[in-house]
N, C-alpha and C. Protein backbone atom coordinates (compact mmCIF):
# COMPACT_ATOMS: atom_id res chain seq x y z
N UNK A 1 30.05 -15.16 29.07
CA UNK A 1 28.78 -15.86 28.91
C UNK A 1 27.61 -14.88 28.98
N UNK A 2 27.70 -13.92 29.92
CA UNK A 2 26.63 -12.94 30.06
C UNK A 2 26.52 -12.09 28.79
N UNK A 3 27.65 -11.77 28.20
CA UNK A 3 27.66 -10.95 26.99
C UNK A 3 26.96 -11.66 25.83
N UNK A 4 27.22 -12.96 25.68
CA UNK A 4 26.59 -13.73 24.61
C UNK A 4 25.07 -13.80 24.84
N UNK A 5 24.68 -14.05 26.06
CA UNK A 5 23.26 -14.10 26.39
C UNK A 5 22.58 -12.76 26.13
N UNK A 6 23.23 -11.67 26.53
CA UNK A 6 22.68 -10.34 26.32
C UNK A 6 22.55 -10.02 24.83
N UNK A 7 23.57 -10.34 24.04
CA UNK A 7 23.51 -10.11 22.60
C UNK A 7 22.42 -10.95 21.94
N UNK A 8 22.26 -12.18 22.39
CA UNK A 8 21.21 -13.04 21.84
C UNK A 8 19.83 -12.48 22.16
N UNK A 9 19.62 -12.04 23.38
CA UNK A 9 18.34 -11.45 23.76
C UNK A 9 18.05 -10.17 22.97
N UNK A 10 19.06 -9.34 22.76
CA UNK A 10 18.88 -8.11 21.99
C UNK A 10 18.52 -8.43 20.54
N UNK A 11 19.17 -9.43 19.96
CA UNK A 11 18.89 -9.82 18.58
C UNK A 11 17.45 -10.33 18.45
N UNK A 12 17.01 -11.14 19.39
CA UNK A 12 15.64 -11.65 19.36
C UNK A 12 14.63 -10.51 19.51
N UNK A 13 14.92 -9.57 20.36
CA UNK A 13 14.03 -8.42 20.55
C UNK A 13 13.93 -7.60 19.28
N UNK A 14 15.04 -7.35 18.61
CA UNK A 14 15.03 -6.58 17.37
C UNK A 14 14.27 -7.32 16.27
N UNK A 15 14.43 -8.62 16.17
CA UNK A 15 13.72 -9.38 15.16
C UNK A 15 12.22 -9.39 15.40
N UNK A 16 11.80 -9.39 16.65
CA UNK A 16 10.37 -9.41 16.95
C UNK A 16 9.72 -8.06 16.75
N UNK A 17 10.48 -6.99 16.62
CA UNK A 17 9.93 -5.64 16.48
C UNK A 17 9.92 -5.14 15.04
N UNK A 18 10.15 -6.01 14.08
CA UNK A 18 10.17 -5.54 12.70
C UNK A 18 8.75 -5.23 12.24
N UNK A 19 8.63 -4.21 11.42
CA UNK A 19 7.34 -3.79 10.88
C UNK A 19 7.24 -4.30 9.46
N UNK A 20 6.10 -4.88 9.13
CA UNK A 20 5.94 -5.36 7.77
C UNK A 20 4.79 -4.62 7.10
N UNK A 21 4.98 -4.33 5.85
CA UNK A 21 3.96 -3.65 5.06
C UNK A 21 3.36 -4.65 4.08
N UNK A 22 2.12 -4.40 3.74
CA UNK A 22 1.49 -5.21 2.70
C UNK A 22 2.04 -4.75 1.36
N UNK A 23 2.06 -5.66 0.41
CA UNK A 23 2.58 -5.35 -0.91
C UNK A 23 1.52 -5.68 -1.95
N UNK A 24 1.60 -4.99 -3.06
CA UNK A 24 0.67 -5.24 -4.14
C UNK A 24 1.06 -4.45 -5.36
N UNK A 25 0.15 -4.38 -6.31
CA UNK A 25 0.41 -3.55 -7.48
C UNK A 25 -0.87 -2.84 -7.87
N UNK A 26 -0.73 -1.74 -8.56
CA UNK A 26 -1.88 -0.96 -8.97
C UNK A 26 -2.51 -1.63 -10.19
N UNK A 27 -3.73 -2.10 -10.02
CA UNK A 27 -4.42 -2.82 -11.08
C UNK A 27 -5.25 -1.90 -11.96
N UNK A 28 -5.66 -0.74 -11.42
CA UNK A 28 -6.53 0.16 -12.18
C UNK A 28 -6.40 1.58 -11.65
N UNK A 29 -6.37 2.53 -12.56
CA UNK A 29 -6.49 3.95 -12.23
C UNK A 29 -7.43 4.56 -13.26
N UNK A 30 -8.42 5.32 -12.80
CA UNK A 30 -9.32 5.93 -13.78
C UNK A 30 -8.64 7.08 -14.51
N UNK A 31 -9.27 7.57 -15.57
CA UNK A 31 -8.61 8.60 -16.39
C UNK A 31 -8.43 9.92 -15.67
N UNK A 32 -9.24 10.20 -14.65
CA UNK A 32 -9.07 11.43 -13.86
C UNK A 32 -7.98 11.28 -12.80
N UNK A 33 -7.43 10.08 -12.69
CA UNK A 33 -6.35 9.78 -11.74
C UNK A 33 -6.75 10.01 -10.28
N UNK A 34 -8.04 9.80 -9.96
CA UNK A 34 -8.46 9.99 -8.58
C UNK A 34 -9.02 8.71 -7.94
N UNK A 35 -9.12 7.64 -8.71
CA UNK A 35 -9.59 6.35 -8.20
C UNK A 35 -8.52 5.30 -8.49
N UNK A 36 -8.11 4.56 -7.46
CA UNK A 36 -7.06 3.55 -7.61
C UNK A 36 -7.57 2.22 -7.05
N UNK A 37 -7.29 1.14 -7.77
CA UNK A 37 -7.56 -0.21 -7.27
C UNK A 37 -6.22 -0.93 -7.18
N UNK A 38 -5.93 -1.46 -6.00
CA UNK A 38 -4.66 -2.15 -5.74
C UNK A 38 -4.95 -3.62 -5.50
N UNK A 39 -4.27 -4.47 -6.26
CA UNK A 39 -4.37 -5.90 -6.00
C UNK A 39 -3.30 -6.24 -4.98
N UNK A 40 -3.74 -6.73 -3.84
CA UNK A 40 -2.86 -6.95 -2.69
C UNK A 40 -2.35 -8.38 -2.70
N UNK A 41 -1.03 -8.54 -2.48
CA UNK A 41 -0.40 -9.86 -2.43
C UNK A 41 -1.05 -10.68 -1.33
N UNK A 42 -1.28 -11.95 -1.49
CA UNK A 42 -0.86 -12.80 -2.60
C UNK A 42 -1.79 -12.74 -3.81
N UNK A 43 -2.24 -11.55 -4.16
CA UNK A 43 -2.98 -11.28 -5.39
C UNK A 43 -4.32 -12.00 -5.47
N UNK A 44 -5.04 -11.97 -4.38
CA UNK A 44 -6.39 -12.54 -4.39
C UNK A 44 -7.41 -11.57 -3.83
N UNK A 45 -6.96 -10.43 -3.31
CA UNK A 45 -7.86 -9.43 -2.76
C UNK A 45 -7.50 -8.05 -3.30
N UNK A 46 -8.51 -7.20 -3.31
CA UNK A 46 -8.34 -5.85 -3.85
C UNK A 46 -8.67 -4.81 -2.81
N UNK A 47 -7.96 -3.69 -2.85
CA UNK A 47 -8.26 -2.52 -2.04
C UNK A 47 -8.61 -1.39 -3.00
N UNK A 48 -9.69 -0.68 -2.72
CA UNK A 48 -10.14 0.42 -3.57
C UNK A 48 -9.93 1.71 -2.80
N UNK A 49 -9.34 2.69 -3.45
CA UNK A 49 -8.95 3.90 -2.74
C UNK A 49 -9.13 5.14 -3.60
N UNK A 50 -9.23 6.27 -2.92
CA UNK A 50 -9.20 7.57 -3.57
C UNK A 50 -7.78 8.09 -3.49
N UNK A 51 -7.30 8.64 -4.59
CA UNK A 51 -5.94 9.17 -4.66
C UNK A 51 -5.93 10.61 -4.19
N UNK A 52 -5.00 10.94 -3.35
CA UNK A 52 -4.85 12.30 -2.85
C UNK A 52 -3.54 12.85 -3.41
N UNK A 53 -3.61 13.88 -4.23
CA UNK A 53 -2.41 14.45 -4.84
C UNK A 53 -1.51 15.01 -3.76
N UNK A 54 -0.23 14.74 -3.88
CA UNK A 54 0.74 15.33 -2.95
C UNK A 54 2.07 15.53 -3.65
N UNK A 55 2.96 16.18 -2.97
CA UNK A 55 4.24 16.57 -3.56
C UNK A 55 5.39 16.05 -2.71
N UNK A 56 5.38 14.78 -2.34
CA UNK A 56 6.40 14.26 -1.44
C UNK A 56 7.80 14.23 -2.07
N UNK A 57 7.86 14.25 -3.38
CA UNK A 57 9.17 14.25 -4.05
C UNK A 57 9.50 15.61 -4.64
N UNK A 58 8.72 16.63 -4.30
CA UNK A 58 8.94 17.96 -4.83
C UNK A 58 8.18 18.22 -6.12
N UNK A 59 7.42 17.23 -6.59
CA UNK A 59 6.58 17.37 -7.78
C UNK A 59 5.38 16.44 -7.60
N UNK A 60 4.31 16.64 -8.36
CA UNK A 60 3.16 15.75 -8.20
C UNK A 60 3.54 14.30 -8.44
N UNK A 61 3.26 13.46 -7.49
CA UNK A 61 3.57 12.04 -7.60
C UNK A 61 2.37 11.32 -8.18
N UNK A 62 2.44 10.94 -9.44
CA UNK A 62 1.33 10.28 -10.09
C UNK A 62 1.66 8.81 -10.28
N UNK A 63 0.98 7.94 -9.58
CA UNK A 63 1.23 6.50 -9.73
C UNK A 63 0.70 6.02 -11.08
N UNK A 64 1.18 4.86 -11.49
CA UNK A 64 0.74 4.28 -12.76
C UNK A 64 0.29 2.84 -12.60
N UNK A 65 -0.48 2.37 -13.56
CA UNK A 65 -0.93 0.98 -13.57
C UNK A 65 0.30 0.07 -13.60
N UNK A 66 0.25 -1.00 -12.85
CA UNK A 66 1.31 -2.00 -12.71
C UNK A 66 2.46 -1.55 -11.82
N UNK A 67 2.39 -0.37 -11.21
CA UNK A 67 3.41 0.03 -10.24
C UNK A 67 3.30 -0.86 -9.01
N UNK A 68 4.44 -1.32 -8.51
CA UNK A 68 4.45 -2.08 -7.26
C UNK A 68 4.43 -1.10 -6.10
N UNK A 69 3.56 -1.37 -5.14
CA UNK A 69 3.37 -0.47 -4.01
C UNK A 69 3.42 -1.25 -2.70
N UNK A 70 3.74 -0.54 -1.63
CA UNK A 70 3.78 -1.13 -0.29
C UNK A 70 3.13 -0.16 0.68
N UNK A 71 2.39 -0.71 1.61
CA UNK A 71 1.71 0.11 2.61
C UNK A 71 0.69 -0.73 3.35
N UNK A 72 -0.25 -0.07 3.98
CA UNK A 72 -1.31 -0.77 4.70
C UNK A 72 -2.60 -0.62 3.91
N UNK A 73 -3.10 -1.72 3.39
CA UNK A 73 -4.29 -1.71 2.56
C UNK A 73 -5.47 -2.41 3.23
N UNK A 74 -5.29 -2.93 4.43
CA UNK A 74 -6.33 -3.74 5.07
C UNK A 74 -7.06 -3.01 6.18
N UNK A 75 -7.19 -1.70 6.03
CA UNK A 75 -8.01 -0.91 6.96
C UNK A 75 -8.41 0.37 6.26
N UNK A 76 -9.51 0.95 6.73
CA UNK A 76 -10.02 2.18 6.12
C UNK A 76 -9.19 3.38 6.55
N UNK A 77 -9.21 4.43 5.71
CA UNK A 77 -8.61 5.69 6.11
C UNK A 77 -7.48 6.14 5.23
N UNK A 78 -6.99 7.34 5.53
CA UNK A 78 -5.89 7.94 4.77
C UNK A 78 -4.56 7.40 5.23
N UNK A 79 -3.65 7.27 4.26
CA UNK A 79 -2.31 6.76 4.57
C UNK A 79 -1.36 7.04 3.42
N UNK A 80 -0.10 6.99 3.72
CA UNK A 80 0.93 7.08 2.68
C UNK A 80 1.28 5.67 2.25
N UNK A 81 1.49 5.50 0.95
CA UNK A 81 2.01 4.24 0.46
C UNK A 81 3.24 4.53 -0.39
N UNK A 82 4.12 3.56 -0.46
CA UNK A 82 5.38 3.70 -1.20
C UNK A 82 5.21 3.11 -2.59
N UNK A 83 5.61 3.84 -3.60
CA UNK A 83 5.57 3.39 -4.99
C UNK A 83 7.00 3.14 -5.46
N UNK A 84 7.27 1.91 -5.84
CA UNK A 84 8.63 1.51 -6.22
C UNK A 84 9.12 2.26 -7.46
N UNK A 85 8.27 2.45 -8.46
CA UNK A 85 8.68 3.14 -9.69
C UNK A 85 9.00 4.61 -9.42
N UNK A 86 8.15 5.25 -8.60
CA UNK A 86 8.37 6.66 -8.29
C UNK A 86 9.54 6.86 -7.32
N UNK A 87 9.81 5.84 -6.53
CA UNK A 87 10.85 5.97 -5.51
C UNK A 87 10.42 6.88 -4.39
N UNK A 88 9.13 6.96 -4.13
CA UNK A 88 8.61 7.83 -3.08
C UNK A 88 7.20 7.45 -2.69
N UNK A 89 6.63 8.26 -1.84
CA UNK A 89 5.30 7.96 -1.32
C UNK A 89 4.25 8.90 -1.90
N UNK A 90 3.02 8.44 -1.84
CA UNK A 90 1.88 9.29 -2.15
C UNK A 90 0.75 8.90 -1.22
N UNK A 91 -0.25 9.75 -1.14
CA UNK A 91 -1.35 9.52 -0.20
C UNK A 91 -2.56 8.92 -0.89
N UNK A 92 -3.20 8.01 -0.19
CA UNK A 92 -4.49 7.47 -0.63
C UNK A 92 -5.42 7.45 0.57
N UNK A 93 -6.69 7.32 0.29
CA UNK A 93 -7.68 7.08 1.32
C UNK A 93 -8.38 5.78 0.96
N UNK A 94 -8.14 4.72 1.73
CA UNK A 94 -8.71 3.41 1.45
C UNK A 94 -10.20 3.45 1.76
N UNK A 95 -11.01 3.22 0.72
CA UNK A 95 -12.46 3.24 0.86
C UNK A 95 -13.03 1.84 1.09
N UNK A 96 -12.44 0.84 0.46
CA UNK A 96 -12.86 -0.56 0.61
C UNK A 96 -11.62 -1.44 0.56
N UNK A 97 -11.67 -2.56 1.26
CA UNK A 97 -10.54 -3.50 1.21
C UNK A 97 -11.06 -4.93 1.36
N UNK A 98 -10.21 -5.89 0.99
CA UNK A 98 -10.59 -7.31 1.08
C UNK A 98 -11.63 -7.71 0.05
N UNK A 99 -11.68 -7.00 -1.07
CA UNK A 99 -12.69 -7.26 -2.09
C UNK A 99 -12.22 -8.31 -3.09
N UNK A 100 -13.18 -9.01 -3.69
CA UNK A 100 -12.88 -9.88 -4.82
C UNK A 100 -12.77 -9.00 -6.06
N UNK A 101 -12.34 -9.57 -7.17
CA UNK A 101 -12.24 -8.78 -8.39
C UNK A 101 -13.61 -8.29 -8.84
N UNK A 102 -14.65 -9.11 -8.67
CA UNK A 102 -16.00 -8.69 -9.04
C UNK A 102 -16.48 -7.53 -8.17
N UNK A 103 -16.20 -7.59 -6.89
CA UNK A 103 -16.59 -6.50 -5.99
C UNK A 103 -15.83 -5.21 -6.31
N UNK A 104 -14.56 -5.33 -6.69
CA UNK A 104 -13.78 -4.15 -7.05
C UNK A 104 -14.35 -3.51 -8.31
N UNK A 105 -14.76 -4.32 -9.28
CA UNK A 105 -15.37 -3.78 -10.50
C UNK A 105 -16.68 -3.07 -10.17
N UNK A 106 -17.48 -3.66 -9.28
CA UNK A 106 -18.73 -3.02 -8.85
C UNK A 106 -18.43 -1.67 -8.18
N UNK A 107 -17.40 -1.63 -7.35
CA UNK A 107 -17.04 -0.40 -6.65
C UNK A 107 -16.64 0.69 -7.66
N UNK A 108 -15.88 0.31 -8.68
CA UNK A 108 -15.48 1.27 -9.72
C UNK A 108 -16.72 1.83 -10.40
N UNK A 109 -17.69 0.95 -10.71
CA UNK A 109 -18.91 1.39 -11.38
C UNK A 109 -19.74 2.37 -10.58
N UNK A 110 -19.63 2.32 -9.27
CA UNK A 110 -20.40 3.21 -8.40
C UNK A 110 -19.75 4.56 -8.23
N UNK A 111 -18.49 4.70 -8.63
CA UNK A 111 -17.76 5.95 -8.41
C UNK A 111 -18.07 7.00 -9.44
């Protein structure tokens, strides 16, 4: 009986400690590949970020429009995000988040 109770408690503890990432897709990248706009699931808010070139896969990781990405988009600052198409991570610096589509377009115009 103690063993079942212990296993149940351990399972509950593991389930409560799971980390979840936000998901979205890249809605816009400028031609210089240094400005990225990510539409964050459930696809009603946008995060605007600066792209930081890195070599996490041994070559420059260049994201593309419509790539599905996962990471933290709801706070300012630098972070790695995972790109499903690339199968690896790249760095961004989130400049704005929680924007409407109109606000994201305004942000692009100011860059």
